[in-house]
């Protein structure tokens, strides 16, 4: 769980840095990069949550 929190903080920093870089340069590639990071982070979070749910479901049965 600690590793997930560290990854979450790093993802938040990366997204924030991309948005700040866009505000300074007005280059849309930074927004695209931030959107991709957010998309893959959400996908990763869903996979981890699904695995945790399956783990709990298997223990119950």
PDB file of N, CA and C in Angstrom:
ATOM      1  N   UNK A   1       0.822  -1.199   0.000  1.00  0.00           N
ATOM      2  CA  UNK A   1       0.000   0.000   0.000  1.00  0.00           C
ATOM      3  C   UNK A   1       0.862   1.259   0.000  1.00  0.00           C
ATOM      4  N   UNK A   2       1.985   1.198   0.675  1.00  0.00           N
ATOM      5  CA  UNK A   2       2.866   2.352   0.688  1.00  0.00           C
ATOM      6  C   UNK A   2       3.358   2.664  -0.727  1.00  0.00           C
ATOM      7  N   UNK A   3       3.654   1.610  -1.479  1.00  0.00           N
ATOM      8  CA  UNK A   3       4.135   1.803  -2.851  1.00  0.00           C
ATOM      9  C   UNK A   3       3.062   2.476  -3.710  1.00  0.00           C
ATOM     10  N   UNK A   4       1.800   2.092  -3.513  1.00  0.00           N
ATOM     11  CA  UNK A   4       0.715   2.719  -4.268  1.00  0.00           C
ATOM     12  C   UNK A   4       0.586   4.203  -3.921  1.00  0.00           C
ATOM     13  N   UNK A   5       0.777   4.533  -2.678  1.00  0.00           N
ATOM     14  CA  UNK A   5       0.704   5.947  -2.282  1.00  0.00           C
ATOM     15  C   UNK A   5       1.845   6.751  -2.893  1.00  0.00           C
ATOM     16  N   UNK A   6       3.025   6.170  -2.917  1.00  0.00           N
ATOM     17  CA  UNK A   6       4.173   6.852  -3.520  1.00  0.00           C
ATOM     18  C   UNK A   6       3.935   7.062  -5.008  1.00  0.00           C
ATOM     19  N   UNK A   7       3.440   6.032  -5.680  1.00  0.00           N
ATOM     20  CA  UNK A   7       3.141   6.159  -7.114  1.00  0.00           C
ATOM     21  C   UNK A   7       2.062   7.223  -7.330  1.00  0.00           C
ATOM     22  N   UNK A   8       1.048   7.247  -6.466  1.00  0.00           N
ATOM     23  CA  UNK A   8      -0.013   8.246  -6.593  1.00  0.00           C
ATOM     24  C   UNK A   8       0.511   9.669  -6.452  1.00  0.00           C
ATOM     25  N   UNK A   9       1.404   9.880  -5.512  1.00  0.00           N
ATOM     26  CA  UNK A   9       1.988  11.209  -5.324  1.00  0.00           C
ATOM     27  C   UNK A   9       2.838  11.592  -6.531  1.00  0.00           C
ATOM     28  N   UNK A  10       3.613  10.646  -7.039  1.00  0.00           N
ATOM     29  CA  UNK A  10       4.439  10.927  -8.224  1.00  0.00           C
ATOM     30  C   UNK A  10       3.582  11.233  -9.445  1.00  0.00           C
ATOM     31  N   UNK A  11       2.475  10.528  -9.588  1.00  0.00           N
ATOM     32  CA  UNK A  11       1.559  10.800 -10.704  1.00  0.00           C
ATOM     33  C   UNK A  11       0.961  12.193 -10.568  1.00  0.00           C
ATOM     34  N   UNK A  12       0.547  12.555  -9.364  1.00  0.00           N
ATOM     35  CA  UNK A  12      -0.022  13.888  -9.142  1.00  0.00           C
ATOM     36  C   UNK A  12       1.012  14.977  -9.443  1.00  0.00           C
ATOM     37  N   UNK A  13       2.254  14.754  -9.054  1.00  0.00           N
ATOM     38  CA  UNK A  13       3.315  15.728  -9.340  1.00  0.00           C
ATOM     39  C   UNK A  13       3.544  15.837 -10.840  1.00  0.00           C
ATOM     40  N   UNK A  14       3.556  14.701 -11.539  1.00  0.00           N
ATOM     41  CA  UNK A  14       3.789  14.707 -12.987  1.00  0.00           C
ATOM     42  C   UNK A  14       2.660  15.418 -13.720  1.00  0.00           C
ATOM     43  N   UNK A  15       1.429  15.170 -13.323  1.00  0.00           N
ATOM     44  CA  UNK A  15       0.291  15.843 -13.960  1.00  0.00           C
ATOM     45  C   UNK A  15       0.338  17.343 -13.682  1.00  0.00           C
ATOM     46  N   UNK A  16       0.612  17.704 -12.444  1.00  0.00           N
ATOM     47  CA  UNK A  16       0.718  19.125 -12.096  1.00  0.00           C
ATOM     48  C   UNK A  16       1.843  19.814 -12.846  1.00  0.00           C
ATOM     49  N   UNK A  17       2.973  19.130 -12.982  1.00  0.00           N
ATOM     50  CA  UNK A  17       4.097  19.720 -13.714  1.00  0.00           C
ATOM     51  C   UNK A  17       3.749  19.912 -15.183  1.00  0.00           C
ATOM     52  N   UNK A  18       3.011  18.968 -15.755  1.00  0.00           N
ATOM     53  CA  UNK A  18       2.588  19.113 -17.149  1.00  0.00           C
ATOM     54  C   UNK A  18       1.652  20.296 -17.340  1.00  0.00           C
ATOM     55  N   UNK A  19       0.754  20.490 -16.406  1.00  0.00           N
ATOM     56  CA  UNK A  19      -0.172  21.623 -16.502  1.00  0.00           C
ATOM     57  C   UNK A  19       0.570  22.942 -16.334  1.00  0.00           C
ATOM     58  N   UNK A  20       1.483  22.993 -15.385  1.00  0.00           N
ATOM     59  CA  UNK A  20       2.281  24.217 -15.189  1.00  0.00           C
ATOM     60  C   UNK A  20       3.145  24.494 -16.410  1.00  0.00           C
ATOM     61  N   UNK A  21       3.724  23.456 -16.994  1.00  0.00           N
ATOM     62  CA  UNK A  21       4.536  23.640 -18.205  1.00  0.00           C
ATOM     63  C   UNK A  21       3.676  24.171 -19.345  1.00  0.00           C
ATOM     64  N   UNK A  22       2.437  23.688 -19.445  1.00  0.00           N
ATOM     65  CA  UNK A  22       1.534  24.218 -20.471  1.00  0.00           C
ATOM     66  C   UNK A  22       1.233  25.689 -20.230  1.00  0.00           C
ATOM     67  N   UNK A  23       1.001  26.057 -18.980  1.00  0.00           N
ATOM     68  CA  UNK A  23       0.676  27.449 -18.680  1.00  0.00           C
ATOM     69  C   UNK A  23       1.830  28.390 -19.029  1.00  0.00           C
ATOM     70  N   UNK A  24       3.061  27.901 -18.880  1.00  0.00           N
ATOM     71  CA  UNK A  24       4.218  28.737 -19.204  1.00  0.00           C
ATOM     72  C   UNK A  24       4.522  28.774 -20.694  1.00  0.00           C
ATOM     73  N   UNK A  25       4.359  27.648 -21.385  1.00  0.00           N
ATOM     74  CA  UNK A  25       4.783  27.575 -22.789  1.00  0.00           C
ATOM     75  C   UNK A  25       3.642  27.622 -23.785  1.00  0.00           C
ATOM     76  N   UNK A  26       2.423  27.323 -23.361  1.00  0.00           N
ATOM     77  CA  UNK A  26       1.252  27.219 -24.234  1.00  0.00           C
ATOM     78  C   UNK A  26       1.430  26.135 -25.309  1.00  0.00           C
ATOM     79  N   UNK A  27       2.253  25.142 -25.002  1.00  0.00           N
ATOM     80  CA  UNK A  27       2.472  24.015 -25.904  1.00  0.00           C
ATOM     81  C   UNK A  27       1.542  22.878 -25.477  1.00  0.00           C
ATOM     82  N   UNK A  28       0.646  22.470 -26.366  1.00  0.00           N
ATOM     83  CA  UNK A  28      -0.391  21.502 -26.005  1.00  0.00           C
ATOM     84  C   UNK A  28       0.147  20.093 -25.760  1.00  0.00           C
ATOM     85  N   UNK A  29       1.382  19.823 -26.137  1.00  0.00           N
ATOM     86  CA  UNK A  29       1.908  18.478 -25.901  1.00  0.00           C
ATOM     87  C   UNK A  29       2.026  18.183 -24.409  1.00  0.00           C
ATOM     88  N   UNK A  30       2.197  19.217 -23.595  1.00  0.00           N
ATOM     89  CA  UNK A  30       2.263  18.997 -22.148  1.00  0.00           C
ATOM     90  C   UNK A  30       0.903  18.589 -21.592  1.00  0.00           C
ATOM     91  N   UNK A  31      -0.169  19.156 -22.153  1.00  0.00           N
ATOM     92  CA  UNK A  31      -1.506  18.750 -21.731  1.00  0.00           C
ATOM     93  C   UNK A  31      -1.801  17.325 -22.173  1.00  0.00           C
ATOM     94  N   UNK A  32      -1.372  16.967 -23.387  1.00  0.00           N
ATOM     95  CA  UNK A  32      -1.569  15.600 -23.858  1.00  0.00           C
ATOM     96  C   UNK A  32      -0.816  14.611 -22.979  1.00  0.00           C
ATOM     97  N   UNK A  33       0.397  14.973 -22.606  1.00  0.00           N
ATOM     98  CA  UNK A  33       1.181  14.109 -21.731  1.00  0.00           C
ATOM     99  C   UNK A  33       0.497  13.949 -20.371  1.00  0.00           C
ATOM    100  N   UNK A  34       0.000  15.041 -19.822  1.00  0.00           N
ATOM    101  CA  UNK A  34      -0.712  14.974 -18.535  1.00  0.00           C
ATOM    102  C   UNK A  34      -1.963  14.111 -18.649  1.00  0.00           C
ATOM    103  N   UNK A  35      -2.683  14.245 -19.755  1.00  0.00           N
ATOM    104  CA  UNK A  35      -3.889  13.436 -19.958  1.00  0.00           C
ATOM    105  C   UNK A  35      -3.534  11.958 -20.087  1.00  0.00           C
ATOM    106  N   UNK A  36      -2.454  11.642 -20.786  1.00  0.00           N
ATOM    107  CA  UNK A  36      -2.041  10.245 -20.910  1.00  0.00           C
ATOM    108  C   UNK A  36      -1.624   9.674 -19.560  1.00  0.00           C
ATOM    109  N   UNK A  37      -0.896  10.451 -18.796  1.00  0.00           N
ATOM    110  CA  UNK A  37      -0.479   9.985 -17.466  1.00  0.00           C
ATOM    111  C   UNK A  37      -1.707   9.729 -16.604  1.00  0.00           C
ATOM    112  N   UNK A  38      -2.681  10.630 -16.651  1.00  0.00           N
ATOM    113  CA  UNK A  38      -3.900  10.459 -15.851  1.00  0.00           C
ATOM    114  C   UNK A  38      -4.677   9.232 -16.308  1.00  0.00           C
ATOM    115  N   UNK A  39      -4.758   9.017 -17.616  1.00  0.00           N
ATOM    116  CA  UNK A  39      -5.496   7.878 -18.153  1.00  0.00           C
ATOM    117  C   UNK A  39      -4.865   6.560 -17.716  1.00  0.00           C
ATOM    118  N   UNK A  40      -3.555   6.453 -17.867  1.00  0.00           N
ATOM    119  CA  UNK A  40      -2.890   5.206 -17.494  1.00  0.00           C
ATOM    120  C   UNK A  40      -2.847   5.006 -15.981  1.00  0.00           C
ATOM    121  N   UNK A  41      -2.785   6.083 -15.227  1.00  0.00           N
ATOM    122  CA  UNK A  41      -2.827   5.963 -13.767  1.00  0.00           C
ATOM    123  C   UNK A  41      -4.204   5.479 -13.326  1.00  0.00           C
ATOM    124  N   UNK A  42      -5.254   5.978 -13.943  1.00  0.00           N
ATOM    125  CA  UNK A  42      -6.607   5.522 -13.605  1.00  0.00           C
ATOM    126  C   UNK A  42      -6.784   4.055 -13.985  1.00  0.00           C
ATOM    127  N   UNK A  43      -6.268   3.664 -15.130  1.00  0.00           N
ATOM    128  CA  UNK A  43      -6.340   2.265 -15.550  1.00  0.00           C
ATOM    129  C   UNK A  43      -5.592   1.363 -14.570  1.00  0.00           C
ATOM    130  N   UNK A  44      -4.409   1.783 -14.173  1.00  0.00           N
ATOM    131  CA  UNK A  44      -3.625   1.031 -13.199  1.00  0.00           C
ATOM    132  C   UNK A  44      -4.369   0.918 -11.870  1.00  0.00           C
ATOM    133  N   UNK A  45      -4.977   2.009 -11.428  1.00  0.00           N
ATOM    134  CA  UNK A  45      -5.724   1.994 -10.166  1.00  0.00           C
ATOM    135  C   UNK A  45      -6.916   1.040 -10.249  1.00  0.00           C
ATOM    136  N   UNK A  46      -7.607   1.036 -11.378  1.00  0.00           N
ATOM    137  CA  UNK A  46      -8.740   0.121 -11.538  1.00  0.00           C
ATOM    138  C   UNK A  46      -8.292  -1.335 -11.517  1.00  0.00           C
ATOM    139  N   UNK A  47      -7.167  -1.626 -12.147  1.00  0.00           N
ATOM    140  CA  UNK A  47      -6.646  -2.992 -12.146  1.00  0.00           C
ATOM    141  C   UNK A  47      -6.268  -3.417 -10.731  1.00  0.00           C
ATOM    142  N   UNK A  48      -5.593  -2.542 -10.006  1.00  0.00           N
ATOM    143  CA  UNK A  48      -5.199  -2.871  -8.629  1.00  0.00           C
ATOM    144  C   UNK A  48      -6.436  -3.074  -7.754  1.00  0.00           C
ATOM    145  N   UNK A  49      -7.432  -2.209  -7.896  1.00  0.00           N
ATOM    146  CA  UNK A  49      -8.653  -2.362  -7.099  1.00  0.00           C
ATOM    147  C   UNK A  49      -9.395  -3.640  -7.461  1.00  0.00           C
ATOM    148  N   UNK A  50      -9.413  -4.007  -8.740  1.00  0.00           N
ATOM    149  CA  UNK A  50     -10.060  -5.252  -9.156  1.00  0.00           C
ATOM    150  C   UNK A  50      -9.338  -6.454  -8.555  1.00  0.00           C
ATOM    151  N   UNK A  51      -8.012  -6.407  -8.562  1.00  0.00           N
ATOM    152  CA  UNK A  51      -7.257  -7.508  -7.968  1.00  0.00           C
ATOM    153  C   UNK A  51      -7.491  -7.599  -6.464  1.00  0.00           C
ATOM    154  N   UNK A  52      -7.593  -6.467  -5.795  1.00  0.00           N
ATOM    155  CA  UNK A  52      -7.882  -6.482  -4.354  1.00  0.00           C
ATOM    156  C   UNK A  52      -9.279  -7.047  -4.091  1.00  0.00           C
ATOM    157  N   UNK A  53     -10.237  -6.684  -4.938  1.00  0.00           N
ATOM    158  CA  UNK A  53     -11.591  -7.204  -4.799  1.00  0.00           C
ATOM    159  C   UNK A  53     -11.615  -8.712  -5.015  1.00  0.00           C
ATOM    160  N   UNK A  54     -10.919  -9.180  -6.039  1.00  0.00           N
ATOM    161  CA  UNK A  54     -10.865 -10.617  -6.300  1.00  0.00           C
ATOM    162  C   UNK A  54     -10.199 -11.371  -5.157  1.00  0.00           C
ATOM    163  N   UNK A  55      -9.172 -10.768  -4.582  1.00  0.00           N
ATOM    164  CA  UNK A  55      -8.507 -11.386  -3.449  1.00  0.00           C
ATOM    165  C   UNK A  55      -9.464 -11.549  -2.272  1.00  0.00           C
ATOM    166  N   UNK A  56     -10.233 -10.530  -2.002  1.00  0.00           N
ATOM    167  CA  UNK A  56     -11.216 -10.599  -0.896  1.00  0.00           C
ATOM    168  C   UNK A  56     -12.316 -11.604  -1.219  1.00  0.00           C
ATOM    169  N   UNK A  57     -12.753 -11.635  -2.483  1.00  0.00           N
ATOM    170  CA  UNK A  57     -13.816 -12.549  -2.875  1.00  0.00           C
ATOM    171  C   UNK A  57     -13.349 -14.001  -2.764  1.00  0.00           C
ATOM    172  N   UNK A  58     -12.104 -14.268  -3.109  1.00  0.00           N
ATOM    173  CA  UNK A  58     -11.590 -15.629  -3.025  1.00  0.00           C
ATOM    174  C   UNK A  58     -11.461 -16.055  -1.562  1.00  0.00           C
ATOM    175  N   UNK A  59     -11.061 -15.165  -0.685  1.00  0.00           N
ATOM    176  CA  UNK A  59     -10.913 -15.495   0.730  1.00  0.00           C
ATOM    177  C   UNK A  59     -12.256 -15.809   1.358  1.00  0.00           C
ATOM    178  N   UNK A  60     -13.311 -15.109   0.920  1.00  0.00           N
ATOM    179  CA  UNK A  60     -14.648 -15.327   1.478  1.00  0.00           C
ATOM    180  C   UNK A  60     -15.139 -16.724   1.118  1.00  0.00           C
ATOM    181  N   UNK A  61     -14.861 -17.173  -0.093  1.00  0.00           N
ATOM    182  CA  UNK A  61     -15.348 -18.492  -0.527  1.00  0.00           C
ATOM    183  C   UNK A  61     -14.351 -19.493  -0.155  1.00  0.00           C
TER     184      UNK A  61
END
